[in-house]
Amino acid sequence: ALQAAASGLGGIWNVTGRGVPRREVFGEIARVAGTTPDWRWVTAAQ
């Protein structure tokens, strides 16, 4: 946001992260937390 102001970046900008697979996101949380969960992947129907 500050860079946009400083550089005169007008208009519309998508500002979010790169897509990371859910498996990697949950795995990284476990790595940082030092835990080893048993993942149960559940569907929308479940």
All heavy atoms as atom14 arrays in JSON, in Angstrom:
{
  "sequence": "ALQAAASGLGGIWNVTGRGVPRREVFGEIARVAGTTPDWRWVTAAQ",
  "atom14_mask": [
    [1, 1, 1, 1, 1, 0, 0, 0, 0, 0, 0, 0, 0, 0],
    [1, 1, 1, 1, 1, 1, 1, 1, 0, 0, 0, 0, 0, 0],
    [1, 1, 1, 1, 1, 1, 1, 1, 1, 0, 0, 0, 0, 0],
    [1, 1, 1, 1, 1, 0, 0, 0, 0, 0, 0, 0, 0, 0],
    [1, 1, 1, 1, 1, 0, 0, 0, 0, 0, 0, 0, 0, 0],
    [1, 1, 1, 1, 1, 0, 0, 0, 0, 0, 0, 0, 0, 0],
    [1, 1, 1, 1, 1, 1, 0, 0, 0, 0, 0, 0, 0, 0],
    [1, 1, 1, 1, 0, 0, 0, 0, 0, 0, 0, 0, 0, 0],
    [1, 1, 1, 1, 1, 1, 1, 1, 0, 0, 0, 0, 0, 0],
    [1, 1, 1, 1, 0, 0, 0, 0, 0, 0, 0, 0, 0, 0],
    [1, 1, 1, 1, 0, 0, 0, 0, 0, 0, 0, 0, 0, 0],
    [1, 1, 1, 1, 1, 1, 1, 1, 0, 0, 0, 0, 0, 0],
    [1, 1, 1, 1, 1, 1, 1, 1, 1, 1, 1, 1, 1, 1],
    [1, 1, 1, 1, 1, 1, 1, 1, 0, 0, 0, 0, 0, 0],
    [1, 1, 1, 1, 1, 1, 1, 0, 0, 0, 0, 0, 0, 0],
    [1, 1, 1, 1, 1, 1, 1, 0, 0, 0, 0, 0, 0, 0],
    [1, 1, 1, 1, 0, 0, 0, 0, 0, 0, 0, 0, 0, 0],
    [1, 1, 1, 1, 1, 1, 1, 1, 1, 1, 1, 0, 0, 0],
    [1, 1, 1, 1, 0, 0, 0, 0, 0, 0, 0, 0, 0, 0],
    [1, 1, 1, 1, 1, 1, 1, 0, 0, 0, 0, 0, 0, 0],
    [1, 1, 1, 1, 1, 1, 1, 0, 0, 0, 0, 0, 0, 0],
    [1, 1, 1, 1, 1, 1, 1, 1, 1, 1, 1, 0, 0, 0],
    [1, 1, 1, 1, 1, 1, 1, 1, 1, 1, 1, 0, 0, 0],
    [1, 1, 1, 1, 1, 1, 1, 1, 1, 0, 0, 0, 0, 0],
    [1, 1, 1, 1, 1, 1, 1, 0, 0, 0, 0, 0, 0, 0],
    [1, 1, 1, 1, 1, 1, 1, 1, 1, 1, 1, 0, 0, 0],
    [1, 1, 1, 1, 0, 0, 0, 0, 0, 0, 0, 0, 0, 0],
    [1, 1, 1, 1, 1, 1, 1, 1, 1, 0, 0, 0, 0, 0],
    [1, 1, 1, 1, 1, 1, 1, 1, 0, 0, 0, 0, 0, 0],
    [1, 1, 1, 1, 1, 0, 0, 0, 0, 0, 0, 0, 0, 0],
    [1, 1, 1, 1, 1, 1, 1, 1, 1, 1, 1, 0, 0, 0],
    [1, 1, 1, 1, 1, 1, 1, 0, 0, 0, 0, 0, 0, 0],
    [1, 1, 1, 1, 1, 0, 0, 0, 0, 0, 0, 0, 0, 0],
    [1, 1, 1, 1, 0, 0, 0, 0, 0, 0, 0, 0, 0, 0],
    [1, 1, 1, 1, 1, 1, 1, 0, 0, 0, 0, 0, 0, 0],
    [1, 1, 1, 1, 1, 1, 1, 0, 0, 0, 0, 0, 0, 0],
    [1, 1, 1, 1, 1, 1, 1, 0, 0, 0, 0, 0, 0, 0],
    [1, 1, 1, 1, 1, 1, 1, 1, 0, 0, 0, 0, 0, 0],
    [1, 1, 1, 1, 1, 1, 1, 1, 1, 1, 1, 1, 1, 1],
    [1, 1, 1, 1, 1, 1, 1, 1, 1, 1, 1, 0, 0, 0],
    [1, 1, 1, 1, 1, 1, 1, 1, 1, 1, 1, 1, 1, 1],
    [1, 1, 1, 1, 1, 1, 1, 0, 0, 0, 0, 0, 0, 0],
    [1, 1, 1, 1, 1, 1, 1, 0, 0, 0, 0, 0, 0, 0],
    [1, 1, 1, 1, 1, 0, 0, 0, 0, 0, 0, 0, 0, 0],
    [1, 1, 1, 1, 1, 0, 0, 0, 0, 0, 0, 0, 0, 0],
    [1, 1, 1, 1, 1, 1, 1, 1, 1, 0, 0, 0, 0, 0]
  ],
  "atom14_positions": [
    [[0.84, -1.21, 0.0], [0.0, 0.0, 0.0], [0.87, 1.25, 0.0], [0.61, 2.21, -0.75], [-0.93, -0.01, 1.21], [0.0, 0.0, 0.0], [0.0, 0.0, 0.0], [0.0, 0.0, 0.0], [0.0, 0.0, 0.0], [0.0, 0.0, 0.0], [0.0, 0.0, 0.0], [0.0, 0.0, 0.0], [0.0, 0.0, 0.0], [0.0, 0.0, 0.0]],
    [[1.92, 1.25, 0.81], [2.83, 2.39, 0.84], [3.62, 2.5, -0.46], [3.88, 3.6, -0.96], [3.78, 2.27, 2.02], [3.18, 2.56, 3.4], [4.16, 2.2, 4.49], [2.76, 4.02, 3.51], [0.0, 0.0, 0.0], [0.0, 0.0, 0.0], [0.0, 0.0, 0.0], [0.0, 0.0, 0.0], [0.0, 0.0, 0.0], [0.0, 0.0, 0.0]],
    [[4.0, 1.35, -1.01], [4.71, 1.36, -2.28], [3.84, 1.93, -3.4], [4.32, 2.67, -4.26], [5.15, -0.06, -2.64], [5.94, -0.14, -3.95], [6.28, -1.57, -4.32], [6.27, -2.45, -3.46], [6.57, -1.82, -5.57], [0.0, 0.0, 0.0], [0.0, 0.0, 0.0], [0.0, 0.0, 0.0], [0.0, 0.0, 0.0], [0.0, 0.0, 0.0]],
    [[2.55, 1.59, -3.37], [1.63, 2.12, -4.37], [1.57, 3.64, -4.3], [1.55, 4.33, -5.32], [0.24, 1.51, -4.19], [0.0, 0.0, 0.0], [0.0, 0.0, 0.0], [0.0, 0.0, 0.0], [0.0, 0.0, 0.0], [0.0, 0.0, 0.0], [0.0, 0.0, 0.0], [0.0, 0.0, 0.0], [0.0, 0.0, 0.0], [0.0, 0.0, 0.0]],
    [[1.55, 4.16, -3.07], [1.53, 5.61, -2.9], [2.84, 6.24, -3.38], [2.84, 7.23, -4.12], [1.27, 5.97, -1.45], [0.0, 0.0, 0.0], [0.0, 0.0, 0.0], [0.0, 0.0, 0.0], [0.0, 0.0, 0.0], [0.0, 0.0, 0.0], [0.0, 0.0, 0.0], [0.0, 0.0, 0.0], [0.0, 0.0, 0.0], [0.0, 0.0, 0.0]],
    [[3.95, 5.64, -2.98], [5.26, 6.22, -3.31], [5.56, 6.15, -4.8], [6.19, 7.07, -5.36], [6.35, 5.49, -2.53], [0.0, 0.0, 0.0], [0.0, 0.0, 0.0], [0.0, 0.0, 0.0], [0.0, 0.0, 0.0], [0.0, 0.0, 0.0], [0.0, 0.0, 0.0], [0.0, 0.0, 0.0], [0.0, 0.0, 0.0], [0.0, 0.0, 0.0]],
    [[5.11, 5.09, -5.46], [5.43, 4.89, -6.88], [4.33, 5.37, -7.82], [4.48, 5.25, -9.04], [5.71, 3.4, -7.14], [6.77, 2.94, -6.32], [0.0, 0.0, 0.0], [0.0, 0.0, 0.0], [0.0, 0.0, 0.0], [0.0, 0.0, 0.0], [0.0, 0.0, 0.0], [0.0, 0.0, 0.0], [0.0, 0.0, 0.0], [0.0, 0.0, 0.0]],
    [[3.23, 5.87, -7.26], [2.15, 6.34, -8.11], [1.45, 5.23, -8.87], [1.09, 5.4, -10.04], [0.0, 0.0, 0.0], [0.0, 0.0, 0.0], [0.0, 0.0, 0.0], [0.0, 0.0, 0.0], [0.0, 0.0, 0.0], [0.0, 0.0, 0.0], [0.0, 0.0, 0.0], [0.0, 0.0, 0.0], [0.0, 0.0, 0.0], [0.0, 0.0, 0.0]],
    [[1.24, 4.1, -8.2], [0.59, 2.96, -8.85], [-0.93, 3.14, -8.77], [-1.56, 2.72, -7.81], [1.0, 1.65, -8.18], [2.5, 1.35, -8.11], [2.74, 0.03, -7.38], [3.1, 1.31, -9.5], [0.0, 0.0, 0.0], [0.0, 0.0, 0.0], [0.0, 0.0, 0.0], [0.0, 0.0, 0.0], [0.0, 0.0, 0.0], [0.0, 0.0, 0.0]],
    [[-1.5, 3.79, -9.76], [-2.94, 4.01, -9.76], [-3.7, 2.82, -10.28], [-3.13, 1.84, -10.77], [0.0, 0.0, 0.0], [0.0, 0.0, 0.0], [0.0, 0.0, 0.0], [0.0, 0.0, 0.0], [0.0, 0.0, 0.0], [0.0, 0.0, 0.0], [0.0, 0.0, 0.0], [0.0, 0.0, 0.0], [0.0, 0.0, 0.0], [0.0, 0.0, 0.0]],
    [[-5.02, 2.87, -10.17], [-5.87, 1.82, -10.7], [-6.11, 0.69, -9.72], [-6.02, 0.86, -8.5], [0.0, 0.0, 0.0], [0.0, 0.0, 0.0], [0.0, 0.0, 0.0], [0.0, 0.0, 0.0], [0.0, 0.0, 0.0], [0.0, 0.0, 0.0], [0.0, 0.0, 0.0], [0.0, 0.0, 0.0], [0.0, 0.0, 0.0], [0.0, 0.0, 0.0]],
    [[-6.39, -0.49, -10.25], [-6.82, -1.64, -9.46], [-5.72, -2.7, -9.42], [-5.08, -2.97, -10.44], [-8.1, -2.24, -10.05], [-9.24, -1.21, -9.96], [-8.51, -3.53, -9.34], [-10.44, -1.57, -10.78], [0.0, 0.0, 0.0], [0.0, 0.0, 0.0], [0.0, 0.0, 0.0], [0.0, 0.0, 0.0], [0.0, 0.0, 0.0], [0.0, 0.0, 0.0]],
    [[-5.55, -3.32, -8.24], [-4.48, -4.3, -8.05], [-4.99, -5.47, -7.21], [-5.53, -5.25, -6.12], [-3.28, -3.65, -7.33], [-2.74, -2.47, -8.08], [-3.24, -1.2, -8.11], [-1.59, -2.47, -8.93], [-2.48, -0.4, -8.91], [-1.46, -1.14, -9.44], [-0.66, -3.43, -9.31], [-0.44, -0.78, -10.31], [0.37, -3.07, -10.18], [0.47, -1.76, -10.67]],
    [[-4.82, -6.68, -7.71], [-5.05, -7.85, -6.88], [-3.87, -8.0, -5.92], [-2.72, -8.11, -6.36], [-5.15, -9.12, -7.73], [-6.46, -9.23, -8.49], [-7.42, -8.51, -8.21], [-6.51, -10.14, -9.44], [0.0, 0.0, 0.0], [0.0, 0.0, 0.0], [0.0, 0.0, 0.0], [0.0, 0.0, 0.0], [0.0, 0.0, 0.0], [0.0, 0.0, 0.0]],
    [[-4.15, -7.98, -4.62], [-3.09, -8.06, -3.63], [-3.38, -9.23, -2.69], [-4.16, -9.12, -1.74], [-2.96, -6.74, -2.84], [-1.84, -6.83, -1.81], [-2.71, -5.57, -3.79], [0.0, 0.0, 0.0], [0.0, 0.0, 0.0], [0.0, 0.0, 0.0], [0.0, 0.0, 0.0], [0.0, 0.0, 0.0], [0.0, 0.0, 0.0], [0.0, 0.0, 0.0]],
    [[-2.8, -10.35, -3.01], [-2.91, -11.54, -2.18], [-1.67, -12.4, -2.44], [-0.75, -11.96, -3.13], [-4.22, -12.29, -2.47], [-4.37, -13.36, -1.53], [-4.29, -12.84, -3.89], [0.0, 0.0, 0.0], [0.0, 0.0, 0.0], [0.0, 0.0, 0.0], [0.0, 0.0, 0.0], [0.0, 0.0, 0.0], [0.0, 0.0, 0.0], [0.0, 0.0, 0.0]],
    [[-1.64, -13.61, -1.88], [-0.46, -14.43, -2.02], [-0.52, -15.36, -3.21], [-1.49, -15.39, -3.95], [0.0, 0.0, 0.0], [0.0, 0.0, 0.0], [0.0, 0.0, 0.0], [0.0, 0.0, 0.0], [0.0, 0.0, 0.0], [0.0, 0.0, 0.0], [0.0, 0.0, 0.0], [0.0, 0.0, 0.0], [0.0, 0.0, 0.0], [0.0, 0.0, 0.0]],
    [[0.57, -16.1, -3.4], [0.58, -17.14, -4.42], [-0.16, -18.36, -3.9], [-0.17, -18.64, -2.7], [2.01, -17.52, -4.78], [2.84, -16.35, -5.31], [4.21, -16.85, -5.77], [5.09, -15.71, -6.09], [5.95, -15.19, -5.24], [6.06, -15.7, -4.02], [6.71, -14.17, -5.58], [0.0, 0.0, 0.0], [0.0, 0.0, 0.0], [0.0, 0.0, 0.0]],
    [[-0.77, -19.1, -4.8], [-1.5, -20.29, -4.39], [-0.55, -21.39, -3.91], [0.37, -21.78, -4.63], [0.0, 0.0, 0.0], [0.0, 0.0, 0.0], [0.0, 0.0, 0.0], [0.0, 0.0, 0.0], [0.0, 0.0, 0.0], [0.0, 0.0, 0.0], [0.0, 0.0, 0.0], [0.0, 0.0, 0.0], [0.0, 0.0, 0.0], [0.0, 0.0, 0.0]],
    [[-0.77, -21.86, -2.71], [0.02, -22.95, -2.12], [-0.94, -24.09, -1.81], [-1.98, -23.87, -1.19], [0.73, -22.49, -0.83], [1.52, -23.64, -0.2], [1.65, -21.31, -1.12], [0.0, 0.0, 0.0], [0.0, 0.0, 0.0], [0.0, 0.0, 0.0], [0.0, 0.0, 0.0], [0.0, 0.0, 0.0], [0.0, 0.0, 0.0], [0.0, 0.0, 0.0]],
    [[-0.65, -25.32, -2.21], [-1.56, -26.44, -1.93], [-1.86, -26.57, -0.44], [-0.99, -26.36, 0.4], [-0.8, -27.66, -2.45], [0.12, -27.11, -3.5], [0.52, -25.74, -3.01], [0.0, 0.0, 0.0], [0.0, 0.0, 0.0], [0.0, 0.0, 0.0], [0.0, 0.0, 0.0], [0.0, 0.0, 0.0], [0.0, 0.0, 0.0], [0.0, 0.0, 0.0]],
    [[-3.11, -26.92, -0.14], [-3.51, -27.08, 1.26], [-2.58, -28.02, 2.01], [-2.22, -27.78, 3.17], [-4.94, -27.62, 1.33], [-6.02, -26.62, 0.97], [-7.38, -27.28, 0.93], [-8.42, -26.34, 0.52], [-9.64, -26.7, 0.14], [-9.96, -27.98, 0.1], [-10.53, -25.79, -0.2], [0.0, 0.0, 0.0], [0.0, 0.0, 0.0], [0.0, 0.0, 0.0]],
    [[-2.19, -29.1, 1.36], [-1.31, -30.07, 2.0], [-0.03, -29.39, 2.51], [0.44, -29.66, 3.62], [-0.94, -31.17, 1.01], [-0.15, -32.32, 1.62], [0.48, -33.2, 0.54], [-0.49, -33.67, -0.43], [-1.26, -34.74, -0.28], [-1.18, -35.44, 0.84], [-2.1, -35.11, -1.23], [0.0, 0.0, 0.0], [0.0, 0.0, 0.0], [0.0, 0.0, 0.0]],
    [[0.54, -28.5, 1.68], [1.77, -27.82, 2.07], [1.53, -26.8, 3.17], [2.38, -26.61, 4.06], [2.4, -27.16, 0.84], [2.89, -28.14, -0.2], [3.56, -27.44, -1.38], [4.01, -26.29, -1.2], [3.64, -28.04, -2.46], [0.0, 0.0, 0.0], [0.0, 0.0, 0.0], [0.0, 0.0, 0.0], [0.0, 0.0, 0.0], [0.0, 0.0, 0.0]],
    [[0.38, -26.1, 3.12], [0.08, -25.1, 4.14], [-0.06, -25.76, 5.5], [0.56, -25.35, 6.5], [-1.2, -24.32, 3.79], [-1.62, -23.42, 4.95], [-0.99, -23.48, 2.53], [0.0, 0.0, 0.0], [0.0, 0.0, 0.0], [0.0, 0.0, 0.0], [0.0, 0.0, 0.0], [0.0, 0.0, 0.0], [0.0, 0.0, 0.0], [0.0, 0.0, 0.0]],
    [[-0.88, -26.83, 5.58], [-1.06, -27.51, 6.86], [0.25, -28.17, 7.31], [0.56, -28.17, 8.51], [-2.18, -28.54, 6.74], [-3.53, -27.95, 6.49], [-4.38, -28.47, 5.53], [-3.97, -26.86, 7.23], [-5.63, -27.91, 5.3], [-5.22, -26.29, 7.01], [-6.05, -26.83, 6.03], [0.0, 0.0, 0.0], [0.0, 0.0, 0.0], [0.0, 0.0, 0.0]],
    [[1.01, -28.69, 6.37], [2.29, -29.29, 6.72], [3.26, -28.27, 7.28], [4.02, -28.57, 8.21], [0.0, 0.0, 0.0], [0.0, 0.0, 0.0], [0.0, 0.0, 0.0], [0.0, 0.0, 0.0], [0.0, 0.0, 0.0], [0.0, 0.0, 0.0], [0.0, 0.0, 0.0], [0.0, 0.0, 0.0], [0.0, 0.0, 0.0], [0.0, 0.0, 0.0]],
    [[3.26, -27.06, 6.72], [4.16, -26.02, 7.22], [3.76, -25.57, 8.62], [4.62, -25.29, 9.47], [4.17, -24.83, 6.25], [5.15, -23.73, 6.6], [6.62, -24.13, 6.47], [6.92, -25.3, 6.16], [7.48, -23.26, 6.7], [0.0, 0.0, 0.0], [0.0, 0.0, 0.0], [0.0, 0.0, 0.0], [0.0, 0.0, 0.0], [0.0, 0.0, 0.0]],
    [[2.45, -25.49, 8.88], [2.01, -25.15, 10.24], [2.51, -26.2, 11.22], [3.03, -25.88, 12.3], [0.47, -25.04, 10.3], [-0.02, -23.88, 9.43], [0.02, -24.83, 11.75], [-1.54, -23.79, 9.31], [0.0, 0.0, 0.0], [0.0, 0.0, 0.0], [0.0, 0.0, 0.0], [0.0, 0.0, 0.0], [0.0, 0.0, 0.0], [0.0, 0.0, 0.0]],
    [[2.36, -27.48, 10.86], [2.82, -28.56, 11.74], [4.33, -28.5, 11.95], [4.82, -28.71, 13.07], [2.42, -29.91, 11.15], [0.0, 0.0, 0.0], [0.0, 0.0, 0.0], [0.0, 0.0, 0.0], [0.0, 0.0, 0.0], [0.0, 0.0, 0.0], [0.0, 0.0, 0.0], [0.0, 0.0, 0.0], [0.0, 0.0, 0.0], [0.0, 0.0, 0.0]],
    [[5.07, -28.19, 10.9], [6.53, -28.1, 11.03], [6.92, -27.0, 12.0], [7.76, -27.2, 12.89], [7.16, -27.84, 9.66], [8.69, -27.84, 9.69], [9.27, -27.25, 8.42], [9.01, -25.82, 8.27], [9.68, -24.87, 8.92], [10.66, -25.19, 9.78], [9.4, -23.6, 8.71], [0.0, 0.0, 0.0], [0.0, 0.0, 0.0], [0.0, 0.0, 0.0]],
    [[6.31, -25.82, 11.84], [6.64, -24.69, 12.71], [6.22, -24.97, 14.15], [6.94, -24.65, 15.1], [5.99, -23.39, 12.17], [6.2, -22.25, 13.15], [6.56, -23.03, 10.8], [0.0, 0.0, 0.0], [0.0, 0.0, 0.0], [0.0, 0.0, 0.0], [0.0, 0.0, 0.0], [0.0, 0.0, 0.0], [0.0, 0.0, 0.0], [0.0, 0.0, 0.0]],
    [[5.05, -25.6, 14.31], [4.55, -25.88, 15.65], [5.25, -27.06, 16.3], [5.15, -27.25, 17.52], [3.04, -26.14, 15.59], [0.0, 0.0, 0.0], [0.0, 0.0, 0.0], [0.0, 0.0, 0.0], [0.0, 0.0, 0.0], [0.0, 0.0, 0.0], [0.0, 0.0, 0.0], [0.0, 0.0, 0.0], [0.0, 0.0, 0.0], [0.0, 0.0, 0.0]],
    [[5.93, -27.89, 15.5], [6.6, -29.06, 16.04], [5.65, -30.18, 16.37], [5.89, -30.95, 17.32], [0.0, 0.0, 0.0], [0.0, 0.0, 0.0], [0.0, 0.0, 0.0], [0.0, 0.0, 0.0], [0.0, 0.0, 0.0], [0.0, 0.0, 0.0], [0.0, 0.0, 0.0], [0.0, 0.0, 0.0], [0.0, 0.0, 0.0], [0.0, 0.0, 0.0]],
    [[4.56, -30.31, 15.62], [3.58, -31.36, 15.85], [3.54, -32.32, 14.66], [4.01, -31.99, 13.57], [2.18, -30.77, 16.08], [1.79, -30.02, 14.92], [2.16, -29.85, 17.29], [0.0, 0.0, 0.0], [0.0, 0.0, 0.0], [0.0, 0.0, 0.0], [0.0, 0.0, 0.0], [0.0, 0.0, 0.0], [0.0, 0.0, 0.0], [0.0, 0.0, 0.0]],
    [[2.95, -33.49, 14.88], [2.84, -34.49, 13.81], [1.41, -35.04, 13.77], [1.17, -36.18, 14.19], [3.84, -35.64, 14.02], [3.66, -36.18, 15.35], [5.27, -35.15, 13.85], [0.0, 0.0, 0.0], [0.0, 0.0, 0.0], [0.0, 0.0, 0.0], [0.0, 0.0, 0.0], [0.0, 0.0, 0.0], [0.0, 0.0, 0.0], [0.0, 0.0, 0.0]],
    [[0.46, -34.25, 13.28], [-0.94, -34.67, 13.29], [-1.2, -35.81, 12.3], [-0.45, -36.03, 11.34], [-1.7, -33.41, 12.87], [-0.73, -32.29, 13.01], [0.61, -32.88, 12.77], [0.0, 0.0, 0.0], [0.0, 0.0, 0.0], [0.0, 0.0, 0.0], [0.0, 0.0, 0.0], [0.0, 0.0, 0.0], [0.0, 0.0, 0.0], [0.0, 0.0, 0.0]],
    [[-2.32, -36.49, 12.55], [-2.86, -37.45, 11.61], [-3.96, -36.73, 10.84], [-5.02, -36.44, 11.4], [-3.43, -38.65, 12.37], [-4.12, -39.65, 11.46], [-3.84, -39.62, 10.24], [-4.96, -40.41, 11.95], [0.0, 0.0, 0.0], [0.0, 0.0, 0.0], [0.0, 0.0, 0.0], [0.0, 0.0, 0.0], [0.0, 0.0, 0.0], [0.0, 0.0, 0.0]],
    [[-3.7, -36.39, 9.58], [-4.67, -35.61, 8.81], [-5.86, -36.47, 8.4], [-5.68, -37.58, 7.93], [-4.02, -35.03, 7.55], [-2.75, -34.26, 7.77], [-1.51, -34.57, 7.3], [-2.59, -33.05, 8.52], [-0.59, -33.64, 7.69], [-1.22, -32.69, 8.44], [-3.46, -32.24, 9.24], [-0.7, -31.56, 9.07], [-2.96, -31.1, 9.86], [-1.59, -30.78, 9.77]],
    [[-7.05, -35.93, 8.57], [-8.26, -36.57, 8.07], [-8.88, -35.63, 7.03], [-9.49, -34.62, 7.4], [-9.25, -36.82, 9.22], [-10.55, -37.5, 8.79], [-10.37, -38.97, 8.53], [-9.9, -39.67, 9.73], [-10.72, -40.08, 10.72], [-12.0, -39.88, 10.65], [-10.21, -40.71, 11.76], [0.0, 0.0, 0.0], [0.0, 0.0, 0.0], [0.0, 0.0, 0.0]],
    [[-8.7, -35.97, 5.76], [-9.2, -35.12, 4.68], [-10.7, -35.37, 4.49], [-11.12, -36.48, 4.2], [-8.44, -35.41, 3.39], [-6.99, -35.05, 3.51], [-5.97, -35.88, 3.83], [-6.42, -33.75, 3.36], [-4.78, -35.19, 3.88], [-5.02, -33.87, 3.59], [-6.94, -32.49, 3.05], [-4.15, -32.79, 3.53], [-6.07, -31.41, 2.98], [-4.69, -31.56, 3.21]],
    [[-11.49, -34.31, 4.69], [-12.94, -34.46, 4.66], [-13.52, -33.71, 3.46], [-13.03, -32.64, 3.07], [-13.59, -33.96, 5.96], [-13.15, -34.83, 7.14], [-13.24, -32.5, 6.24], [0.0, 0.0, 0.0], [0.0, 0.0, 0.0], [0.0, 0.0, 0.0], [0.0, 0.0, 0.0], [0.0, 0.0, 0.0], [0.0, 0.0, 0.0], [0.0, 0.0, 0.0]],
    [[-14.55, -34.27, 2.89], [-15.18, -33.68, 1.69], [-16.27, -32.7, 2.08], [-16.72, -32.65, 3.23], [-15.78, -34.79, 0.83], [-16.86, -35.4, 1.56], [-14.74, -35.84, 0.46], [0.0, 0.0, 0.0], [0.0, 0.0, 0.0], [0.0, 0.0, 0.0], [0.0, 0.0, 0.0], [0.0, 0.0, 0.0], [0.0, 0.0, 0.0], [0.0, 0.0, 0.0]],
    [[-16.74, -31.96, 1.08], [-17.84, -31.03, 1.3], [-19.09, -31.76, 1.76], [-19.83, -31.27, 2.63], [-18.12, -30.25, 0.02], [0.0, 0.0, 0.0], [0.0, 0.0, 0.0], [0.0, 0.0, 0.0], [0.0, 0.0, 0.0], [0.0, 0.0, 0.0], [0.0, 0.0, 0.0], [0.0, 0.0, 0.0], [0.0, 0.0, 0.0], [0.0, 0.0, 0.0]],
    [[-19.33, -32.95, 1.2], [-20.51, -33.72, 1.59], [-20.42, -34.15, 3.06], [-21.42, -34.13, 3.79], [-20.66, -34.94, 0.69], [0.0, 0.0, 0.0], [0.0, 0.0, 0.0], [0.0, 0.0, 0.0], [0.0, 0.0, 0.0], [0.0, 0.0, 0.0], [0.0, 0.0, 0.0], [0.0, 0.0, 0.0], [0.0, 0.0, 0.0], [0.0, 0.0, 0.0]],
    [[-19.23, -34.54, 3.49], [-19.06, -34.93, 4.88], [-19.24, -33.75, 5.83], [-19.83, -33.88, 6.9], [-17.68, -35.56, 5.07], [-17.53, -36.93, 4.42], [-16.1, -37.43, 4.42], [-15.16, -36.66, 4.17], [-15.91, -38.71, 4.7], [0.0, 0.0, 0.0], [0.0, 0.0, 0.0], [0.0, 0.0, 0.0], [0.0, 0.0, 0.0], [0.0, 0.0, 0.0]]
  ]
}
